[in-house]
Amino acid sequence: MLVSVVVPCMNEEESIPHLVARLEKVVAPYGKRAEILLVDDGSTDGTWAEIEAARKTCSQLRGLRLSANRGHQVALTAGLEAAQGERIFMLDADLQDPPELLGDMMGMMDRGYDVVYGRRSERQGETIFKRATAWVFYRALNAMSDVDIPRDTGDFRLVSRKALDAVLSMPERARFVRGMFAWAGFRQIGIEYCRAPRAMGETKYPLRKMIRFATDAMTAFSTRPLKFATRMSFASLGFSALMMIYVLRSLILYQTAPGWASVVLAISLFSGVQLLTLGILGEYIGRLYIEAKNRPLYFVSEDTRGAETVPLRKLA
């Protein structure tokens, strides 16, 4: 198998027919040496029915249905583990990332690269808030991370079997796939493209999930938030020392106690620092708790290939 196309899907009933039609054209030059893997991440609409219908007309297509919704990154991991190609092409089902770039990415990989990722030069159809938060996220992540993660990129990429095997050997549950490929190393290069607006359906990343995703990304690749909490603690001690000097000075020179404003200010500041520090520690402790349970990432409930045994995520 030369190339596998892996697409996680979550409530993409409307997109599946258009997605499969475009992917069929893209993989046509590779014939039987290509496969298309659609992973249904516990959809509640007719996504799985559309995948089964597409399977009847596209012999290269294989569908995997997870037993429950596990999130985009876990669904992507399930597809990557099932992929059998020497080169693996990843994209989302919303078709904002053009599958037609596969040919260009294959050409880049022929030149010896192990990872060819798409870099968004323009993000059409997105709100100013979405573009601003994405801009801040990637720059804040690189500022805090010990790994240089390419900016303005997603999971849209083509990777070699060698790079994929390296990433799949990482057992963590809080998956940040694009960061894991950056950490793995190998020869990588970006290719710029204009990201199209979503043609149909709704985004599967509301603000709540975006915040959770950003938190996972930052805690997965850096201990700097913990160091930041330590620095904040020292800063609060320094501020409290200055406050003490101010209070003593007021008592000696003015024979009066400090006003309520300074008291409220001090209490608010120290409470905020303490809560922030506890929150950061809680994130890391929570990750340790989740990892210690050592549960499989997912279970596959249905496979259009009809295999009796389905792959499960193995954790060391």
C-alpha atoms as a PDB file:
ATOM      1  CA  MET A   1       0.000   0.000   0.000  1.00  0.00           C
ATOM      2  CA  LEU A   2       1.548   3.306  -1.086  1.00  0.00           C
ATOM      3  CA  VAL A   3      -0.730   5.926   0.486  1.00  0.00           C
ATOM      4  CA  SER A   4      -3.458   5.979   3.144  1.00  0.00           C
ATOM      5  CA  VAL A   5      -5.850   8.907   3.553  1.00  0.00           C
ATOM      6  CA  VAL A   6      -7.090   9.291   7.141  1.00  0.00           C
ATOM      7  CA  VAL A   7     -10.104  11.485   7.917  1.00  0.00           C
ATOM      8  CA  PRO A   8     -11.736  11.778  11.379  1.00  0.00           C
ATOM      9  CA  CYS A   9     -15.454  12.570  11.115  1.00  0.00           C
ATOM     10  CA  MET A  10     -17.863  13.904  13.712  1.00  0.00           C
ATOM     11  CA  ASN A  11     -21.441  14.724  12.630  1.00  0.00           C
ATOM     12  CA  GLU A  12     -20.377  15.308   9.022  1.00  0.00           C
ATOM     13  CA  GLU A  13     -23.401  13.718   7.343  1.00  0.00           C
ATOM     14  CA  GLU A  14     -23.653  16.462   4.731  1.00  0.00           C
ATOM     15  CA  SER A  15     -19.942  16.514   3.946  1.00  0.00           C
ATOM     16  CA  ILE A  16     -19.271  12.788   3.432  1.00  0.00           C
ATOM     17  CA  PRO A  17     -20.529  12.467  -0.190  1.00  0.00           C
ATOM     18  CA  HIS A  18     -18.550  15.536  -1.317  1.00  0.00           C
ATOM     19  CA  LEU A  19     -15.501  14.428   0.663  1.00  0.00           C
ATOM     20  CA  VAL A  20     -15.465  10.943  -0.844  1.00  0.00           C
ATOM     21  CA  ALA A  21     -16.004  12.271  -4.379  1.00  0.00           C
ATOM     22  CA  ARG A  22     -13.001  14.584  -4.117  1.00  0.00           C
ATOM     23  CA  LEU A  23     -10.829  11.975  -2.431  1.00  0.00           C
ATOM     24  CA  GLU A  24     -11.609   9.416  -5.146  1.00  0.00           C
ATOM     25  CA  LYS A  25     -10.275  11.819  -7.749  1.00  0.00           C
ATOM     26  CA  VAL A  26      -7.193  12.580  -5.680  1.00  0.00           C
ATOM     27  CA  VAL A  27      -6.202   8.924  -5.118  1.00  0.00           C
ATOM     28  CA  ALA A  28      -7.215   7.751  -8.613  1.00  0.00           C
ATOM     29  CA  PRO A  29      -3.598   7.881  -9.937  1.00  0.00           C
ATOM     30  CA  TYR A  30      -2.543   5.388  -7.240  1.00  0.00           C
ATOM     31  CA  GLY A  31      -5.287   2.836  -7.942  1.00  0.00           C
ATOM     32  CA  LYS A  32      -5.262  -0.138  -5.587  1.00  0.00           C
ATOM     33  CA  ARG A  33      -2.156   1.219  -3.893  1.00  0.00           C
ATOM     34  CA  ALA A  34      -4.325   3.759  -2.057  1.00  0.00           C
ATOM     35  CA  GLU A  35      -6.882   3.486   0.739  1.00  0.00           C
ATOM     36  CA  ILE A  36      -9.296   5.960   2.297  1.00  0.00           C
ATOM     37  CA  LEU A  37      -9.998   5.604   6.018  1.00  0.00           C
ATOM     38  CA  LEU A  38     -12.985   7.486   7.452  1.00  0.00           C
ATOM     39  CA  VAL A  39     -13.231   7.335  11.261  1.00  0.00           C
ATOM     40  CA  ASP A  40     -16.653   8.081  12.742  1.00  0.00           C
ATOM     41  CA  ASP A  41     -16.012   9.627  16.157  1.00  0.00           C
ATOM     42  CA  GLY A  42     -19.324   8.662  17.767  1.00  0.00           C
ATOM     43  CA  SER A  43     -21.497  10.809  15.506  1.00  0.00           C
ATOM     44  CA  THR A  44     -25.138  11.327  16.455  1.00  0.00           C
ATOM     45  CA  ASP A  45     -26.399  12.040  12.936  1.00  0.00           C
ATOM     46  CA  GLY A  46     -26.268   9.944   9.752  1.00  0.00           C
ATOM     47  CA  THR A  47     -22.500  10.098   9.288  1.00  0.00           C
ATOM     48  CA  TRP A  48     -21.999   6.342   9.640  1.00  0.00           C
ATOM     49  CA  ALA A  49     -24.832   5.578   7.236  1.00  0.00           C
ATOM     50  CA  GLU A  50     -23.183   7.874   4.665  1.00  0.00           C
ATOM     51  CA  ILE A  51     -19.853   6.119   5.169  1.00  0.00           C
ATOM     52  CA  GLU A  52     -21.479   2.716   4.646  1.00  0.00           C
ATOM     53  CA  ALA A  53     -23.218   3.991   1.516  1.00  0.00           C
ATOM     54  CA  ALA A  54     -19.962   5.405   0.148  1.00  0.00           C
ATOM     55  CA  ARG A  55     -18.218   2.092   0.823  1.00  0.00           C
ATOM     56  CA  LYS A  56     -20.544   0.367  -1.645  1.00  0.00           C
ATOM     57  CA  THR A  57     -19.378   2.564  -4.517  1.00  0.00           C
ATOM     58  CA  CYS A  58     -15.738   3.132  -3.509  1.00  0.00           C
ATOM     59  CA  SER A  59     -13.694  -0.033  -3.113  1.00  0.00           C
ATOM     60  CA  GLN A  60     -10.761   1.906  -1.664  1.00  0.00           C
ATOM     61  CA  LEU A  61     -12.806   3.186   1.262  1.00  0.00           C
ATOM     62  CA  ARG A  62     -12.793   1.681   4.743  1.00  0.00           C
ATOM     63  CA  GLY A  63     -14.894   2.999   7.621  1.00  0.00           C
ATOM     64  CA  LEU A  64     -14.186   2.695  11.335  1.00  0.00           C
ATOM     65  CA  ARG A  65     -16.816   3.568  13.905  1.00  0.00           C
ATOM     66  CA  LEU A  66     -15.688   4.319  17.451  1.00  0.00           C
ATOM     67  CA  SER A  67     -17.895   3.073  20.266  1.00  0.00           C
ATOM     68  CA  ALA A  68     -18.216   6.603  21.699  1.00  0.00           C
ATOM     69  CA  ASN A  69     -17.091  10.135  21.022  1.00  0.00           C
ATOM     70  CA  ARG A  70     -13.437  10.382  22.054  1.00  0.00           C
ATOM     71  CA  GLY A  71     -12.441  13.658  20.437  1.00  0.00           C
ATOM     72  CA  HIS A  72     -10.813  14.662  17.173  1.00  0.00           C
ATOM     73  CA  GLN A  73      -7.251  13.759  18.157  1.00  0.00           C
ATOM     74  CA  VAL A  74      -8.157  10.269  19.386  1.00  0.00           C
ATOM     75  CA  ALA A  75     -10.262   9.600  16.274  1.00  0.00           C
ATOM     76  CA  LEU A  76      -7.312  10.703  14.151  1.00  0.00           C
ATOM     77  CA  THR A  77      -5.049   8.378  16.145  1.00  0.00           C
ATOM     78  CA  ALA A  78      -7.449   5.470  15.525  1.00  0.00           C
ATOM     79  CA  GLY A  79      -7.236   6.082  11.788  1.00  0.00           C
ATOM     80  CA  LEU A  80      -3.456   6.414  11.874  1.00  0.00           C
ATOM     81  CA  GLU A  81      -3.129   3.099  13.698  1.00  0.00           C
ATOM     82  CA  ALA A  82      -5.345   1.372  11.150  1.00  0.00           C
ATOM     83  CA  ALA A  83      -3.561   2.895   8.134  1.00  0.00           C
ATOM     84  CA  GLN A  84      -1.410   0.477   6.162  1.00  0.00           C
ATOM     85  CA  GLY A  85       0.218   2.830   3.658  1.00  0.00           C
ATOM     86  CA  GLU A  86       3.861   3.792   3.442  1.00  0.00           C
ATOM     87  CA  ARG A  87       2.716   7.398   3.293  1.00  0.00           C
ATOM     88  CA  ILE A  88      -0.210   8.693   5.317  1.00  0.00           C
ATOM     89  CA  PHE A  89      -2.249  11.748   4.361  1.00  0.00           C
ATOM     90  CA  MET A  90      -4.329  13.454   7.069  1.00  0.00           C
ATOM     91  CA  LEU A  91      -7.117  15.979   6.685  1.00  0.00           C
ATOM     92  CA  ASP A  92     -10.466  16.964   8.208  1.00  0.00           C
ATOM     93  CA  ALA A  93     -13.855  16.080   6.791  1.00  0.00           C
ATOM     94  CA  ASP A  94     -15.002  19.691   6.404  1.00  0.00           C
ATOM     95  CA  LEU A  95     -12.877  20.114   3.221  1.00  0.00           C
ATOM     96  CA  GLN A  96     -11.416  23.400   4.398  1.00  0.00           C
ATOM     97  CA  ASP A  97      -8.036  21.842   3.683  1.00  0.00           C
ATOM     98  CA  PRO A  98      -7.816  20.930  -0.037  1.00  0.00           C
ATOM     99  CA  PRO A  99      -7.158  17.202  -0.612  1.00  0.00           C
ATOM    100  CA  GLU A 100      -5.884  18.120  -4.088  1.00  0.00           C
ATOM    101  CA  LEU A 101      -2.579  19.144  -2.454  1.00  0.00           C
ATOM    102  CA  LEU A 102      -1.732  15.464  -2.002  1.00  0.00           C
ATOM    103  CA  GLY A 103       0.112  15.397  -5.328  1.00  0.00           C
ATOM    104  CA  ASP A 104       2.318  18.348  -4.374  1.00  0.00           C
ATOM    105  CA  MET A 105       3.009  16.842  -0.960  1.00  0.00           C
ATOM    106  CA  MET A 106       3.931  13.510  -2.533  1.00  0.00           C
ATOM    107  CA  GLY A 107       6.405  15.368  -4.734  1.00  0.00           C
ATOM    108  CA  MET A 108       7.971  17.029  -1.684  1.00  0.00           C
ATOM    109  CA  MET A 109       8.270  13.673   0.046  1.00  0.00           C
ATOM    110  CA  ASP A 110       9.957  12.206  -3.032  1.00  0.00           C
ATOM    111  CA  ARG A 111      12.729  14.708  -2.321  1.00  0.00           C
ATOM    112  CA  GLY A 112      13.468  13.009   0.992  1.00  0.00           C
ATOM    113  CA  TYR A 113      11.164  14.678   3.514  1.00  0.00           C
ATOM    114  CA  ASP A 114       9.363  12.615   6.164  1.00  0.00           C
ATOM    115  CA  VAL A 115       6.684  15.186   7.063  1.00  0.00           C
ATOM    116  CA  VAL A 116       5.069  17.684   4.688  1.00  0.00           C
ATOM    117  CA  TYR A 117       2.621  19.892   6.569  1.00  0.00           C
ATOM    118  CA  GLY A 118       0.198  22.497   5.270  1.00  0.00           C
ATOM    119  CA  ARG A 119       0.747  26.058   6.450  1.00  0.00           C
ATOM    120  CA  ARG A 120      -2.264  28.375   6.264  1.00  0.00           C
ATOM    121  CA  SER A 121      -1.347  31.560   4.426  1.00  0.00           C
ATOM    122  CA  GLU A 122      -4.966  32.731   4.558  1.00  0.00           C
ATOM    123  CA  ARG A 123      -8.000  31.619   6.568  1.00  0.00           C
ATOM    124  CA  GLN A 124     -11.159  32.381   4.615  1.00  0.00           C
ATOM    125  CA  GLY A 125     -14.584  32.354   6.213  1.00  0.00           C
ATOM    126  CA  GLU A 126     -13.314  32.595   9.796  1.00  0.00           C
ATOM    127  CA  THR A 127     -14.283  35.283  12.263  1.00  0.00           C
ATOM    128  CA  ILE A 128     -11.833  37.895  13.491  1.00  0.00           C
ATOM    129  CA  PHE A 129     -12.026  36.273  16.935  1.00  0.00           C
ATOM    130  CA  LYS A 130     -11.104  32.857  15.525  1.00  0.00           C
ATOM    131  CA  ARG A 131      -8.158  34.232  13.547  1.00  0.00           C
ATOM    132  CA  ALA A 132      -6.942  36.300  16.504  1.00  0.00           C
ATOM    133  CA  THR A 133      -7.105  33.420  18.979  1.00  0.00           C
ATOM    134  CA  ALA A 134      -5.340  31.098  16.517  1.00  0.00           C
ATOM    135  CA  TRP A 135      -2.587  33.691  16.036  1.00  0.00           C
ATOM    136  CA  VAL A 136      -2.147  34.068  19.797  1.00  0.00           C
ATOM    137  CA  PHE A 137      -2.315  30.307  20.428  1.00  0.00           C
ATOM    138  CA  TYR A 138       0.538  29.304  18.132  1.00  0.00           C
ATOM    139  CA  ARG A 139       2.817  32.093  19.276  1.00  0.00           C
ATOM    140  CA  ALA A 140       2.083  31.532  22.960  1.00  0.00           C
ATOM    141  CA  LEU A 141       2.577  27.779  22.498  1.00  0.00           C
ATOM    142  CA  ASN A 142       5.978  28.255  20.900  1.00  0.00           C
ATOM    143  CA  ALA A 143       6.972  30.763  23.570  1.00  0.00           C
ATOM    144  CA  MET A 144       6.139  28.287  26.342  1.00  0.00           C
ATOM    145  CA  SER A 145       6.984  25.002  24.630  1.00  0.00           C
ATOM    146  CA  ASP A 146      10.329  23.253  24.570  1.00  0.00           C
ATOM    147  CA  VAL A 147       9.514  22.118  21.001  1.00  0.00           C
ATOM    148  CA  ASP A 148       9.371  24.356  17.930  1.00  0.00           C
ATOM    149  CA  ILE A 149       5.882  23.701  16.570  1.00  0.00           C
ATOM    150  CA  PRO A 150       5.252  25.219  13.105  1.00  0.00           C
ATOM    151  CA  ARG A 151       2.905  28.188  13.286  1.00  0.00           C
ATOM    152  CA  ASP A 152      -0.462  28.404  11.543  1.00  0.00           C
ATOM    153  CA  THR A 153      -0.623  24.680  10.887  1.00  0.00           C
ATOM    154  CA  GLY A 154      -3.118  21.950  11.698  1.00  0.00           C
ATOM    155  CA  ASP A 155      -3.187  18.194  11.266  1.00  0.00           C
ATOM    156  CA  PHE A 156      -3.325  18.592   7.483  1.00  0.00           C
ATOM    157  CA  ARG A 157      -0.135  16.820   6.411  1.00  0.00           C
ATOM    158  CA  LEU A 158       1.510  13.895   4.671  1.00  0.00           C
ATOM    159  CA  VAL A 159       3.863  11.761   6.774  1.00  0.00           C
ATOM    160  CA  SER A 160       6.112   8.810   6.085  1.00  0.00           C
ATOM    161  CA  ARG A 161       5.674   5.433   7.734  1.00  0.00           C
ATOM    162  CA  LYS A 162       8.890   6.013   9.707  1.00  0.00           C
ATOM    163  CA  ALA A 163       7.613   9.286  11.168  1.00  0.00           C
ATOM    164  CA  LEU A 164       4.179   7.808  11.882  1.00  0.00           C
ATOM    165  CA  ASP A 165       5.583   4.772  13.700  1.00  0.00           C
ATOM    166  CA  ALA A 166       7.621   7.113  15.885  1.00  0.00           C
ATOM    167  CA  VAL A 167       4.525   9.129  16.848  1.00  0.00           C
ATOM    168  CA  LEU A 168       2.378   6.038  17.456  1.00  0.00           C
ATOM    169  CA  SER A 169       4.996   4.767  19.897  1.00  0.00           C
ATOM    170  CA  MET A 170       4.119   7.689  22.195  1.00  0.00           C
ATOM    171  CA  PRO A 171       1.527   6.427  24.702  1.00  0.00           C
ATOM    172  CA  GLU A 172       0.071   9.656  26.105  1.00  0.00           C
ATOM    173  CA  ARG A 173      -3.687  10.017  26.221  1.00  0.00           C
ATOM    174  CA  ALA A 174      -3.913  13.817  25.852  1.00  0.00           C
ATOM    175  CA  ARG A 175      -3.103  13.767  22.158  1.00  0.00           C
ATOM    176  CA  PHE A 176      -1.759  16.809  20.330  1.00  0.00           C
ATOM    177  CA  VAL A 177      -0.811  15.116  17.082  1.00  0.00           C
ATOM    178  CA  ARG A 178       0.775  18.064  15.268  1.00  0.00           C
ATOM    179  CA  GLY A 179       2.961  18.729  18.300  1.00  0.00           C
ATOM    180  CA  MET A 180       3.909  15.056  18.553  1.00  0.00           C
ATOM    181  CA  PHE A 181       5.146  15.071  14.956  1.00  0.00           C
ATOM    182  CA  ALA A 182       7.147  18.231  15.681  1.00  0.00           C
ATOM    183  CA  TRP A 183       8.691  16.585  18.747  1.00  0.00           C
ATOM    184  CA  ALA A 184       9.522  13.387  16.822  1.00  0.00           C
ATOM    185  CA  GLY A 185      11.754  15.353  14.462  1.00  0.00           C
ATOM    186  CA  PHE A 186      12.803  13.877  11.084  1.00  0.00           C
ATOM    187  CA  ARG A 187      13.000  16.007   7.954  1.00  0.00           C
ATOM    188  CA  GLN A 188      10.003  18.341   7.773  1.00  0.00           C
ATOM    189  CA  ILE A 189       8.879  21.063   5.397  1.00  0.00           C
ATOM    190  CA  GLY A 190       5.771  23.204   5.014  1.00  0.00           C
ATOM    191  CA  ILE A 191       3.691  24.006   1.967  1.00  0.00           C
ATOM    192  CA  GLU A 192       1.491  27.107   2.002  1.00  0.00           C
ATOM    193  CA  TYR A 193      -2.158  27.079   0.978  1.00  0.00           C
ATOM    194  CA  CYS A 194      -5.300  29.144   1.360  1.00  0.00           C
ATOM    195  CA  ARG A 195      -7.740  27.557   3.800  1.00  0.00           C
ATOM    196  CA  ALA A 196     -11.245  27.602   2.385  1.00  0.00           C
ATOM    197  CA  PRO A 197     -14.362  28.383   4.429  1.00  0.00           C
ATOM    198  CA  ARG A 198     -16.503  25.513   5.647  1.00  0.00           C
ATOM    199  CA  ALA A 199     -18.916  24.708   2.822  1.00  0.00           C
ATOM    200  CA  MET A 200     -21.523  22.943   4.963  1.00  0.00           C
ATOM    201  CA  GLY A 201     -22.206  21.900   8.516  1.00  0.00           C
ATOM    202  CA  GLU A 202     -20.978  23.561  11.693  1.00  0.00           C
ATOM    203  CA  THR A 203     -17.594  23.756  13.351  1.00  0.00           C
ATOM    204  CA  LYS A 204     -16.838  20.980  15.813  1.00  0.00           C
ATOM    205  CA  TYR A 205     -14.500  23.184  17.832  1.00  0.00           C
ATOM    206  CA  PRO A 206     -16.524  25.650  19.938  1.00  0.00           C
ATOM    207  CA  LEU A 207     -14.711  27.912  22.400  1.00  0.00           C
ATOM    208  CA  ARG A 208     -14.864  25.362  25.217  1.00  0.00           C
ATOM    209  CA  LYS A 209     -13.106  22.685  23.153  1.00  0.00           C
ATOM    210  CA  MET A 210     -10.597  25.197  21.839  1.00  0.00           C
ATOM    211  CA  ILE A 211      -9.596  26.109  25.404  1.00  0.00           C
ATOM    212  CA  ARG A 212      -9.288  22.440  26.359  1.00  0.00           C
ATOM    213  CA  PHE A 213      -7.238  21.733  23.241  1.00  0.00           C
ATOM    214  CA  ALA A 214      -4.904  24.670  23.968  1.00  0.00           C
ATOM    215  CA  THR A 215      -4.459  23.526  27.575  1.00  0.00           C
ATOM    216  CA  ASP A 216      -3.589  19.984  26.475  1.00  0.00           C
ATOM    217  CA  ALA A 217      -1.113  21.329  23.943  1.00  0.00           C
ATOM    218  CA  MET A 218       0.706  23.552  26.432  1.00  0.00           C
ATOM    219  CA  THR A 219       0.862  21.027  29.261  1.00  0.00           C
ATOM    220  CA  ALA A 220       1.929  18.225  26.907  1.00  0.00           C
ATOM    221  CA  PHE A 221       5.068  19.892  25.631  1.00  0.00           C
ATOM    222  CA  SER A 222       6.304  22.163  28.385  1.00  0.00           C
ATOM    223  CA  THR A 223       6.801  22.459  32.131  1.00  0.00           C
ATOM    224  CA  ARG A 224       7.088  26.234  31.837  1.00  0.00           C
ATOM    225  CA  PRO A 225       3.589  26.835  33.269  1.00  0.00           C
ATOM    226  CA  LEU A 226       4.847  25.229  36.492  1.00  0.00           C
ATOM    227  CA  LYS A 227       7.913  27.470  36.453  1.00  0.00           C
ATOM    228  CA  PHE A 228       5.641  30.432  35.769  1.00  0.00           C
ATOM    229  CA  ALA A 229       3.591  29.546  38.858  1.00  0.00           C
ATOM    230  CA  THR A 230       6.801  29.492  40.915  1.00  0.00           C
ATOM    231  CA  ARG A 231       7.826  32.906  39.608  1.00  0.00           C
ATOM    232  CA  MET A 232       4.369  34.284  40.359  1.00  0.00           C
ATOM    233  CA  SER A 233       4.702  33.018  43.918  1.00  0.00           C
ATOM    234  CA  PHE A 234       8.026  34.819  44.366  1.00  0.00           C
ATOM    235  CA  ALA A 235       6.547  37.968  42.794  1.00  0.00           C
ATOM    236  CA  SER A 236       3.651  37.866  45.244  1.00  0.00           C
ATOM    237  CA  LEU A 237       6.100  37.525  48.145  1.00  0.00           C
ATOM    238  CA  GLY A 238       7.986  40.555  46.847  1.00  0.00           C
ATOM    239  CA  PHE A 239       4.774  42.535  46.543  1.00  0.00           C
ATOM    240  CA  SER A 240       3.725  41.562  50.060  1.00  0.00           C
ATOM    241  CA  ALA A 241       7.098  42.776  51.374  1.00  0.00           C
ATOM    242  CA  LEU A 242       6.547  46.138  49.698  1.00  0.00           C
ATOM    243  CA  MET A 243       3.041  46.282  51.150  1.00  0.00           C
ATOM    244  CA  MET A 244       4.448  45.604  54.624  1.00  0.00           C
ATOM    245  CA  ILE A 245       6.947  48.469  54.232  1.00  0.00           C
ATOM    246  CA  TYR A 246       4.129  50.752  53.087  1.00  0.00           C
ATOM    247  CA  VAL A 247       1.953  49.827  56.082  1.00  0.00           C
ATOM    248  CA  LEU A 248       4.774  50.343  58.613  1.00  0.00           C
ATOM    249  CA  ARG A 249       5.705  53.646  57.013  1.00  0.00           C
ATOM    250  CA  SER A 250       2.090  54.808  57.224  1.00  0.00           C
ATOM    251  CA  LEU A 251       1.861  53.820  60.894  1.00  0.00           C
ATOM    252  CA  ILE A 252       5.096  55.620  61.812  1.00  0.00           C
ATOM    253  CA  LEU A 253       4.691  58.793  59.763  1.00  0.00           C
ATOM    254  CA  TYR A 254       0.955  59.295  59.696  1.00  0.00           C
ATOM    255  CA  GLN A 255      -0.168  57.444  62.820  1.00  0.00           C
ATOM    256  CA  THR A 256      -2.951  55.776  60.879  1.00  0.00           C
ATOM    257  CA  ALA A 257      -3.747  52.331  59.579  1.00  0.00           C
ATOM    258  CA  PRO A 258      -3.792  51.659  55.816  1.00  0.00           C
ATOM    259  CA  GLY A 259      -7.168  52.076  54.154  1.00  0.00           C
ATOM    260  CA  TRP A 260      -9.504  49.374  52.957  1.00  0.00           C
ATOM    261  CA  ALA A 261      -8.333  49.784  49.341  1.00  0.00           C
ATOM    262  CA  SER A 262      -4.840  48.471  50.033  1.00  0.00           C
ATOM    263  CA  VAL A 263      -6.242  45.571  52.064  1.00  0.00           C
ATOM    264  CA  VAL A 264      -8.663  44.557  49.337  1.00  0.00           C
ATOM    265  CA  LEU A 265      -5.938  44.936  46.727  1.00  0.00           C
ATOM    266  CA  ALA A 266      -3.543  42.719  48.645  1.00  0.00           C
ATOM    267  CA  ILE A 267      -6.158  40.040  49.336  1.00  0.00           C
ATOM    268  CA  SER A 268      -7.323  39.996  45.716  1.00  0.00           C
ATOM    269  CA  LEU A 269      -3.778  39.775  44.370  1.00  0.00           C
ATOM    270  CA  PHE A 270      -2.635  36.975  46.644  1.00  0.00           C
ATOM    271  CA  SER A 271      -5.865  35.023  46.191  1.00  0.00           C
ATOM    272  CA  GLY A 272      -5.529  35.278  42.438  1.00  0.00           C
ATOM    273  CA  VAL A 273      -1.919  34.083  42.502  1.00  0.00           C
ATOM    274  CA  GLN A 274      -2.806  31.166  44.764  1.00  0.00           C
ATOM    275  CA  LEU A 275      -5.737  30.085  42.615  1.00  0.00           C
ATOM    276  CA  LEU A 276      -3.660  30.365  39.443  1.00  0.00           C
ATOM    277  CA  THR A 277      -0.878  28.271  40.976  1.00  0.00           C
ATOM    278  CA  LEU A 278      -3.336  25.644  42.204  1.00  0.00           C
ATOM    279  CA  GLY A 279      -4.991  25.563  38.783  1.00  0.00           C
ATOM    280  CA  ILE A 280      -1.702  24.960  36.973  1.00  0.00           C
ATOM    281  CA  LEU A 281      -0.710  22.242  39.447  1.00  0.00           C
ATOM    282  CA  GLY A 282      -4.169  20.699  39.064  1.00  0.00           C
ATOM    283  CA  GLU A 283      -3.776  20.455  35.286  1.00  0.00           C
ATOM    284  CA  TYR A 284      -0.539  18.526  35.587  1.00  0.00           C
ATOM    285  CA  ILE A 285      -1.795  16.315  38.417  1.00  0.00           C
ATOM    286  CA  GLY A 286      -4.948  15.596  36.421  1.00  0.00           C
ATOM    287  CA  ARG A 287      -2.832  14.504  33.458  1.00  0.00           C
ATOM    288  CA  LEU A 288      -0.850  12.165  35.709  1.00  0.00           C
ATOM    289  CA  TYR A 289      -4.102  10.683  37.050  1.00  0.00           C
ATOM    290  CA  ILE A 290      -5.489  10.081  33.560  1.00  0.00           C
ATOM    291  CA  GLU A 291      -2.246   8.519  32.344  1.00  0.00           C
ATOM    292  CA  ALA A 292      -1.969   6.292  35.431  1.00  0.00           C
ATOM    293  CA  LYS A 293      -5.338   4.636  34.701  1.00  0.00           C
ATOM    294  CA  ASN A 294      -3.786   3.205  31.526  1.00  0.00           C
ATOM    295  CA  ARG A 295      -7.091   2.699  29.716  1.00  0.00           C
ATOM    296  CA  PRO A 296      -7.247   2.147  25.948  1.00  0.00           C
ATOM    297  CA  LEU A 297      -7.775   5.343  23.983  1.00  0.00           C
ATOM    298  CA  TYR A 298     -10.784   3.975  22.112  1.00  0.00           C
ATOM    299  CA  PHE A 299     -12.790   0.936  21.070  1.00  0.00           C
ATOM    300  CA  VAL A 300     -13.970   0.247  17.532  1.00  0.00           C
ATOM    301  CA  SER A 301     -17.614  -0.840  17.388  1.00  0.00           C
ATOM    302  CA  GLU A 302     -17.903  -1.329  13.597  1.00  0.00           C
ATOM    303  CA  ASP A 303     -15.488  -1.796  10.735  1.00  0.00           C
ATOM    304  CA  THR A 304     -16.648  -1.854   7.109  1.00  0.00           C
ATOM    305  CA  ARG A 305     -13.818  -4.249   6.327  1.00  0.00           C
ATOM    306  CA  GLY A 306     -15.710  -6.787   8.392  1.00  0.00           C
ATOM    307  CA  ALA A 307     -12.779  -7.936  10.492  1.00  0.00           C
ATOM    308  CA  GLU A 308     -13.688  -9.973  13.571  1.00  0.00           C
ATOM    309  CA  THR A 309     -10.873  -8.480  15.574  1.00  0.00           C
ATOM    310  CA  VAL A 310     -10.608  -4.729  15.779  1.00  0.00           C
ATOM    311  CA  PRO A 311      -7.439  -2.858  16.794  1.00  0.00           C
ATOM    312  CA  LEU A 312      -7.244  -1.372  20.250  1.00  0.00           C
ATOM    313  CA  ARG A 313      -4.813   1.227  21.417  1.00  0.00           C
ATOM    314  CA  LYS A 314      -2.015  -0.519  23.301  1.00  0.00           C
ATOM    315  CA  LEU A 315      -0.412   1.399  26.121  1.00  0.00           C
ATOM    316  CA  ALA A 316       2.834   0.301  27.719  1.00  0.00           C
END
